[in-house]
C-alpha atoms as a PDB file:
ATOM      1  CA  UNK A   1     110.079 138.853 165.115  1.00  0.00           C
ATOM      2  CA  UNK A   2     112.120 137.146 162.364  1.00  0.00           C
ATOM      3  CA  UNK A   3     115.867 136.639 162.613  1.00  0.00           C
ATOM      4  CA  UNK A   4     117.576 138.932 160.104  1.00  0.00           C
ATOM      5  CA  UNK A   5     120.319 138.089 157.590  1.00  0.00           C
ATOM      6  CA  UNK A   6     119.718 134.365 157.152  1.00  0.00           C
ATOM      7  CA  UNK A   7     117.957 134.012 153.781  1.00  0.00           C
ATOM      8  CA  UNK A   8     118.203 137.385 152.120  1.00  0.00           C
ATOM      9  CA  UNK A   9     119.695 139.152 149.127  1.00  0.00           C
ATOM     10  CA  UNK A  10     123.242 140.008 149.868  1.00  0.00           C
ATOM     11  CA  UNK A  11     125.617 142.489 148.207  1.00  0.00           C
ATOM     12  CA  UNK A  12     129.341 142.394 148.929  1.00  0.00           C
ATOM     13  CA  UNK A  13     131.628 145.345 148.195  1.00  0.00           C
ATOM     14  CA  UNK A  14     135.003 143.623 147.614  1.00  0.00           C
ATOM     15  CA  UNK A  15     137.937 145.957 147.044  1.00  0.00           C
ATOM     16  CA  UNK A  16     139.943 143.214 145.256  1.00  0.00           C
ATOM     17  CA  UNK A  17     139.392 139.746 143.894  1.00  0.00           C
ATOM     18  CA  UNK A  18     139.721 137.311 146.842  1.00  0.00           C
ATOM     19  CA  UNK A  19     138.577 139.731 149.587  1.00  0.00           C
ATOM     20  CA  UNK A  20     135.098 138.217 149.435  1.00  0.00           C
ATOM     21  CA  UNK A  21     136.405 134.725 150.219  1.00  0.00           C
ATOM     22  CA  UNK A  22     138.852 135.887 152.947  1.00  0.00           C
ATOM     23  CA  UNK A  23     136.323 138.168 154.645  1.00  0.00           C
ATOM     24  CA  UNK A  24     132.758 136.885 154.034  1.00  0.00           C
ATOM     25  CA  UNK A  25     132.897 133.309 152.741  1.00  0.00           C
ATOM     26  CA  UNK A  26     129.826 132.379 154.770  1.00  0.00           C
ATOM     27  CA  UNK A  27     127.673 134.737 152.722  1.00  0.00           C
ATOM     28  CA  UNK A  28     128.686 133.427 149.320  1.00  0.00           C
ATOM     29  CA  UNK A  29     125.655 131.743 147.755  1.00  0.00           C
ATOM     30  CA  UNK A  30     123.284 132.113 144.782  1.00  0.00           C
ATOM     31  CA  UNK A  31     121.493 134.958 146.654  1.00  0.00           C
ATOM     32  CA  UNK A  32     124.710 136.992 146.796  1.00  0.00           C
ATOM     33  CA  UNK A  33     126.157 139.503 144.319  1.00  0.00           C
ATOM     34  CA  UNK A  34     129.826 140.570 144.598  1.00  0.00           C
ATOM     35  CA  UNK A  35     131.168 143.824 143.225  1.00  0.00           C
ATOM     36  CA  UNK A  36     134.929 144.001 142.636  1.00  0.00           C
ATOM     37  CA  UNK A  37     136.094 147.519 142.296  1.00  0.00           C
ATOM     38  CA  UNK A  38     139.192 146.720 140.276  1.00  0.00           C
ATOM     39  CA  UNK A  39     141.008 143.713 138.816  1.00  0.00           C
ATOM     40  CA  UNK A  40     144.452 144.591 137.529  1.00  0.00           C
ATOM     41  CA  UNK A  41     147.344 143.200 135.498  1.00  0.00           C
ATOM     42  CA  UNK A  42     150.432 142.494 137.629  1.00  0.00           C
ATOM     43  CA  UNK A  43     153.908 141.460 136.561  1.00  0.00           C
ATOM     44  CA  UNK A  44     153.329 137.924 137.959  1.00  0.00           C
ATOM     45  CA  UNK A  45     149.689 137.473 136.957  1.00  0.00           C
ATOM     46  CA  UNK A  46     147.447 138.973 134.257  1.00  0.00           C
ATOM     47  CA  UNK A  47     144.003 140.523 134.726  1.00  0.00           C
ATOM     48  CA  UNK A  48     142.572 137.709 132.541  1.00  0.00           C
ATOM     49  CA  UNK A  49     144.026 135.105 134.848  1.00  0.00           C
ATOM     50  CA  UNK A  50     142.676 136.817 137.908  1.00  0.00           C
ATOM     51  CA  UNK A  51     139.218 136.964 136.365  1.00  0.00           C
ATOM     52  CA  UNK A  52     139.394 133.238 135.702  1.00  0.00           C
ATOM     53  CA  UNK A  53     140.068 132.769 139.392  1.00  0.00           C
ATOM     54  CA  UNK A  54     137.005 134.831 140.169  1.00  0.00           C
ATOM     55  CA  UNK A  55     134.925 132.698 137.820  1.00  0.00           C
ATOM     56  CA  UNK A  56     136.164 129.514 139.504  1.00  0.00           C
ATOM     57  CA  UNK A  57     135.231 130.855 142.951  1.00  0.00           C
ATOM     58  CA  UNK A  58     131.797 131.958 141.703  1.00  0.00           C
ATOM     59  CA  UNK A  59     131.105 128.572 140.147  1.00  0.00           C
ATOM     60  CA  UNK A  60     131.961 126.838 143.410  1.00  0.00           C
ATOM     61  CA  UNK A  61     129.807 129.030 145.648  1.00  0.00           C
ATOM     62  CA  UNK A  62     127.151 130.049 143.087  1.00  0.00           C
ATOM     63  CA  UNK A  63     127.354 133.812 143.604  1.00  0.00           C
ATOM     64  CA  UNK A  64     126.931 136.420 140.883  1.00  0.00           C
ATOM     65  CA  UNK A  65     129.537 139.077 140.373  1.00  0.00           C
ATOM     66  CA  UNK A  66     130.747 142.105 138.346  1.00  0.00           C
ATOM     67  CA  UNK A  67     134.108 143.773 138.086  1.00  0.00           C
ATOM     68  CA  UNK A  68     134.427 147.559 137.819  1.00  0.00           C
ATOM     69  CA  UNK A  69     137.460 149.229 136.288  1.00  0.00           C
ATOM     70  CA  UNK A  70     138.897 151.505 138.989  1.00  0.00           C
ATOM     71  CA  UNK A  71     142.691 151.701 139.293  1.00  0.00           C
ATOM     72  CA  UNK A  72     143.884 149.336 141.985  1.00  0.00           C
ATOM     73  CA  UNK A  73     145.942 151.041 144.725  1.00  0.00           C
ATOM     74  CA  UNK A  74     144.543 154.388 143.706  1.00  0.00           C
ATOM     75  CA  UNK A  75     140.812 154.214 144.562  1.00  0.00           C
ATOM     76  CA  UNK A  76     139.269 157.522 145.395  1.00  0.00           C
ATOM     77  CA  UNK A  77     136.257 157.339 147.708  1.00  0.00           C
ATOM     78  CA  UNK A  78     134.365 160.140 145.972  1.00  0.00           C
ATOM     79  CA  UNK A  79     134.593 158.304 142.660  1.00  0.00           C
ATOM     80  CA  UNK A  80     133.108 155.128 144.143  1.00  0.00           C
ATOM     81  CA  UNK A  81     129.947 156.574 145.737  1.00  0.00           C
ATOM     82  CA  UNK A  82     127.842 156.931 142.565  1.00  0.00           C
ATOM     83  CA  UNK A  83     128.708 153.409 141.235  1.00  0.00           C
ATOM     84  CA  UNK A  84     127.799 151.991 144.656  1.00  0.00           C
ATOM     85  CA  UNK A  85     124.487 153.836 144.790  1.00  0.00           C
ATOM     86  CA  UNK A  86     123.638 152.546 141.327  1.00  0.00           C
ATOM     87  CA  UNK A  87     124.362 148.904 142.144  1.00  0.00           C
ATOM     88  CA  UNK A  88     122.394 149.214 145.439  1.00  0.00           C
ATOM     89  CA  UNK A  89     119.441 150.634 143.509  1.00  0.00           C
ATOM     90  CA  UNK A  90     119.717 147.874 140.922  1.00  0.00           C
ATOM     91  CA  UNK A  91     119.907 144.952 143.305  1.00  0.00           C
ATOM     92  CA  UNK A  92     117.942 146.319 146.286  1.00  0.00           C
ATOM     93  CA  UNK A  93     119.753 144.043 148.772  1.00  0.00           C
ATOM     94  CA  UNK A  94     118.680 143.258 152.280  1.00  0.00           C
ATOM     95  CA  UNK A  95     122.294 143.051 153.500  1.00  0.00           C
ATOM     96  CA  UNK A  96     125.461 144.791 152.370  1.00  0.00           C
ATOM     97  CA  UNK A  97     128.946 143.837 153.473  1.00  0.00           C
ATOM     98  CA  UNK A  98     131.835 146.334 153.326  1.00  0.00           C
ATOM     99  CA  UNK A  99     135.511 145.956 154.193  1.00  0.00           C
ATOM    100  CA  UNK A 100     137.018 147.039 157.453  1.00  0.00           C
ATOM    101  CA  UNK A 101     139.288 150.048 156.959  1.00  0.00           C
ATOM    102  CA  UNK A 102     142.902 148.840 156.998  1.00  0.00           C
ATOM    103  CA  UNK A 103     146.415 149.834 156.055  1.00  0.00           C
ATOM    104  CA  UNK A 104     145.308 149.070 152.492  1.00  0.00           C
ATOM    105  CA  UNK A 105     144.075 152.394 151.117  1.00  0.00           C
ATOM    106  CA  UNK A 106     141.711 150.667 148.685  1.00  0.00           C
ATOM    107  CA  UNK A 107     139.912 149.084 151.607  1.00  0.00           C
ATOM    108  CA  UNK A 108     139.605 152.478 153.310  1.00  0.00           C
ATOM    109  CA  UNK A 109     138.311 154.100 150.147  1.00  0.00           C
ATOM    110  CA  UNK A 110     135.651 151.396 149.642  1.00  0.00           C
ATOM    111  CA  UNK A 111     134.614 151.624 153.301  1.00  0.00           C
ATOM    112  CA  UNK A 112     134.336 155.432 153.254  1.00  0.00           C
ATOM    113  CA  UNK A 113     132.392 155.450 150.001  1.00  0.00           C
ATOM    114  CA  UNK A 114     130.033 152.708 151.236  1.00  0.00           C
ATOM    115  CA  UNK A 115     129.231 154.645 154.383  1.00  0.00           C
ATOM    116  CA  UNK A 116     128.084 157.517 152.168  1.00  0.00           C
ATOM    117  CA  UNK A 117     126.256 155.298 149.697  1.00  0.00           C
ATOM    118  CA  UNK A 118     124.382 153.481 152.506  1.00  0.00           C
ATOM    119  CA  UNK A 119     123.310 156.595 154.397  1.00  0.00           C
ATOM    120  CA  UNK A 120     119.604 156.988 155.219  1.00  0.00           C
ATOM    121  CA  UNK A 121     118.199 158.923 152.274  1.00  0.00           C
ATOM    122  CA  UNK A 122     114.660 159.487 151.009  1.00  0.00           C
ATOM    123  CA  UNK A 123     115.515 158.590 147.369  1.00  0.00           C
ATOM    124  CA  UNK A 124     117.941 155.744 147.950  1.00  0.00           C
ATOM    125  CA  UNK A 125     117.156 152.097 148.596  1.00  0.00           C
ATOM    126  CA  UNK A 126     117.360 151.544 152.357  1.00  0.00           C
ATOM    127  CA  UNK A 127     119.576 148.533 153.219  1.00  0.00           C
ATOM    128  CA  UNK A 128     118.396 147.073 156.485  1.00  0.00           C
ATOM    129  CA  UNK A 129     121.572 145.246 157.440  1.00  0.00           C
ATOM    130  CA  UNK A 130     125.099 146.591 157.069  1.00  0.00           C
ATOM    131  CA  UNK A 131     128.083 144.496 158.244  1.00  0.00           C
ATOM    132  CA  UNK A 132     131.788 145.146 158.179  1.00  0.00           C
ATOM    133  CA  UNK A 133     134.008 142.191 157.325  1.00  0.00           C
ATOM    134  CA  UNK A 134     137.579 141.617 158.437  1.00  0.00           C
ATOM    135  CA  UNK A 135     140.710 140.307 156.759  1.00  0.00           C
ATOM    136  CA  UNK A 136     143.901 138.604 158.088  1.00  0.00           C
ATOM    137  CA  UNK A 137     145.580 141.990 158.264  1.00  0.00           C
ATOM    138  CA  UNK A 138     142.961 142.936 160.879  1.00  0.00           C
ATOM    139  CA  UNK A 139     145.018 140.809 163.243  1.00  0.00           C
ATOM    140  CA  UNK A 140     148.496 141.260 161.832  1.00  0.00           C
ATOM    141  CA  UNK A 141     148.606 145.044 161.497  1.00  0.00           C
ATOM    142  CA  UNK A 142     145.484 146.915 162.638  1.00  0.00           C
ATOM    143  CA  UNK A 143     144.833 150.276 161.098  1.00  0.00           C
ATOM    144  CA  UNK A 144     143.473 151.739 164.313  1.00  0.00           C
ATOM    145  CA  UNK A 145     140.118 152.196 165.923  1.00  0.00           C
ATOM    146  CA  UNK A 146     138.807 148.745 164.959  1.00  0.00           C
ATOM    147  CA  UNK A 147     135.928 147.385 166.975  1.00  0.00           C
ATOM    148  CA  UNK A 148     135.905 143.756 168.053  1.00  0.00           C
ATOM    149  CA  UNK A 149     133.538 141.540 166.020  1.00  0.00           C
ATOM    150  CA  UNK A 150     130.049 141.330 167.471  1.00  0.00           C
ATOM    151  CA  UNK A 151     128.329 139.099 164.905  1.00  0.00           C
ATOM    152  CA  UNK A 152     129.566 135.646 164.083  1.00  0.00           C
ATOM    153  CA  UNK A 153     128.779 132.975 161.448  1.00  0.00           C
ATOM    154  CA  UNK A 154     130.041 129.362 161.738  1.00  0.00           C
ATOM    155  CA  UNK A 155     131.904 128.068 158.702  1.00  0.00           C
ATOM    156  CA  UNK A 156     133.404 124.936 157.254  1.00  0.00           C
ATOM    157  CA  UNK A 157     137.102 125.832 157.259  1.00  0.00           C
ATOM    158  CA  UNK A 158     137.786 123.129 154.663  1.00  0.00           C
ATOM    159  CA  UNK A 159     135.293 124.741 152.249  1.00  0.00           C
ATOM    160  CA  UNK A 160     136.675 128.231 152.906  1.00  0.00           C
ATOM    161  CA  UNK A 161     140.253 127.133 152.355  1.00  0.00           C
ATOM    162  CA  UNK A 162     139.279 125.322 149.175  1.00  0.00           C
ATOM    163  CA  UNK A 163     137.642 128.480 147.837  1.00  0.00           C
ATOM    164  CA  UNK A 164     140.745 130.491 148.794  1.00  0.00           C
ATOM    165  CA  UNK A 165     142.939 127.988 146.968  1.00  0.00           C
ATOM    166  CA  UNK A 166     141.101 128.853 143.742  1.00  0.00           C
ATOM    167  CA  UNK A 167     142.854 132.251 143.982  1.00  0.00           C
ATOM    168  CA  UNK A 168     146.206 130.612 143.450  1.00  0.00           C
ATOM    169  CA  UNK A 169     147.861 133.896 142.405  1.00  0.00           C
ATOM    170  CA  UNK A 170     146.816 135.545 145.663  1.00  0.00           C
ATOM    171  CA  UNK A 171     147.775 132.971 148.274  1.00  0.00           C
ATOM    172  CA  UNK A 172     150.615 134.696 150.057  1.00  0.00           C
ATOM    173  CA  UNK A 173     152.528 134.410 153.320  1.00  0.00           C
ATOM    174  CA  UNK A 174     150.864 137.351 155.047  1.00  0.00           C
ATOM    175  CA  UNK A 175     147.455 135.858 154.326  1.00  0.00           C
ATOM    176  CA  UNK A 176     148.480 132.188 154.330  1.00  0.00           C
ATOM    177  CA  UNK A 177     145.995 129.309 154.686  1.00  0.00           C
ATOM    178  CA  UNK A 178     147.424 128.709 158.210  1.00  0.00           C
ATOM    179  CA  UNK A 179     146.659 132.309 159.171  1.00  0.00           C
ATOM    180  CA  UNK A 180     143.193 132.188 157.647  1.00  0.00           C
ATOM    181  CA  UNK A 181     142.502 129.001 159.632  1.00  0.00           C
ATOM    182  CA  UNK A 182     143.924 130.525 162.880  1.00  0.00           C
ATOM    183  CA  UNK A 183     141.694 133.563 162.568  1.00  0.00           C
ATOM    184  CA  UNK A 184     138.651 131.329 161.913  1.00  0.00           C
ATOM    185  CA  UNK A 185     139.526 129.236 164.960  1.00  0.00           C
ATOM    186  CA  UNK A 186     139.784 132.384 167.121  1.00  0.00           C
ATOM    187  CA  UNK A 187     136.409 133.674 165.933  1.00  0.00           C
ATOM    188  CA  UNK A 188     134.962 130.208 166.430  1.00  0.00           C
ATOM    189  CA  UNK A 189     136.156 130.104 170.021  1.00  0.00           C
ATOM    190  CA  UNK A 190     134.452 133.464 170.590  1.00  0.00           C
ATOM    191  CA  UNK A 191     131.239 132.147 169.067  1.00  0.00           C
ATOM    192  CA  UNK A 192     131.145 128.682 170.646  1.00  0.00           C
ATOM    193  CA  UNK A 193     132.027 126.858 167.393  1.00  0.00           C
ATOM    194  CA  UNK A 194     135.131 125.271 166.029  1.00  0.00           C
ATOM    195  CA  UNK A 195     135.501 127.813 163.207  1.00  0.00           C
ATOM    196  CA  UNK A 196     133.624 130.995 162.387  1.00  0.00           C
ATOM    197  CA  UNK A 197     133.882 134.396 160.699  1.00  0.00           C
ATOM    198  CA  UNK A 198     133.543 137.614 162.696  1.00  0.00           C
ATOM    199  CA  UNK A 199     131.752 140.808 161.551  1.00  0.00           C
ATOM    200  CA  UNK A 200     131.107 144.163 163.041  1.00  0.00           C
ATOM    201  CA  UNK A 201     127.502 145.369 162.932  1.00  0.00           C
ATOM    202  CA  UNK A 202     127.026 148.826 161.501  1.00  0.00           C
ATOM    203  CA  UNK A 203     123.265 148.477 161.181  1.00  0.00           C
ATOM    204  CA  UNK A 204     120.732 145.706 161.681  1.00  0.00           C
ATOM    205  CA  UNK A 205     116.978 146.307 161.418  1.00  0.00           C
ATOM    206  CA  UNK A 206     114.851 143.367 162.602  1.00  0.00           C
ATOM    207  CA  UNK A 207     112.037 142.188 160.325  1.00  0.00           C
ATOM    208  CA  UNK A 208     108.552 142.370 161.888  1.00  0.00           C
END
């Protein structure tokens, strides 16, 4: 029986630009496609600048990506389901990663929509592996009801922090490099490695 998840097509549902690096850096590769649900203008940084940061991150890790145009901080789960189903049908991934619900309502909306889009259905592409990724706020201010990670992937913390640094406009105190490193060290200790990322398994189907 083959080990799942190692060399497969991966689709990441990233609520915002940088969530994919913070939550699932270990999956970023040429076999990965990232969907950002919104990239916005802010007083301190333009949408164009944020997209340039995405491009820099994609060049480093080799992943493909697309940015949808939903209004950041106002995502509605029912409006995300159909776009998700379409991208799943188009890419037919083996593994999908979705964000842990958090105090950020956009993360909750993406999670809720993804649970619907990934349901067993006779006309939809069946995704064998579904994992939930965490963020620094998972430790700082839990939303409630979170499960402890039960799937771990060792990482190079230097590589992860370098990719995060490419999102210069998003490096903030409440998700500082020191905090990202501390979380990776904790997950590494749980996994018997120096640094790792932790995920919660929603579904894994072994390959015969």
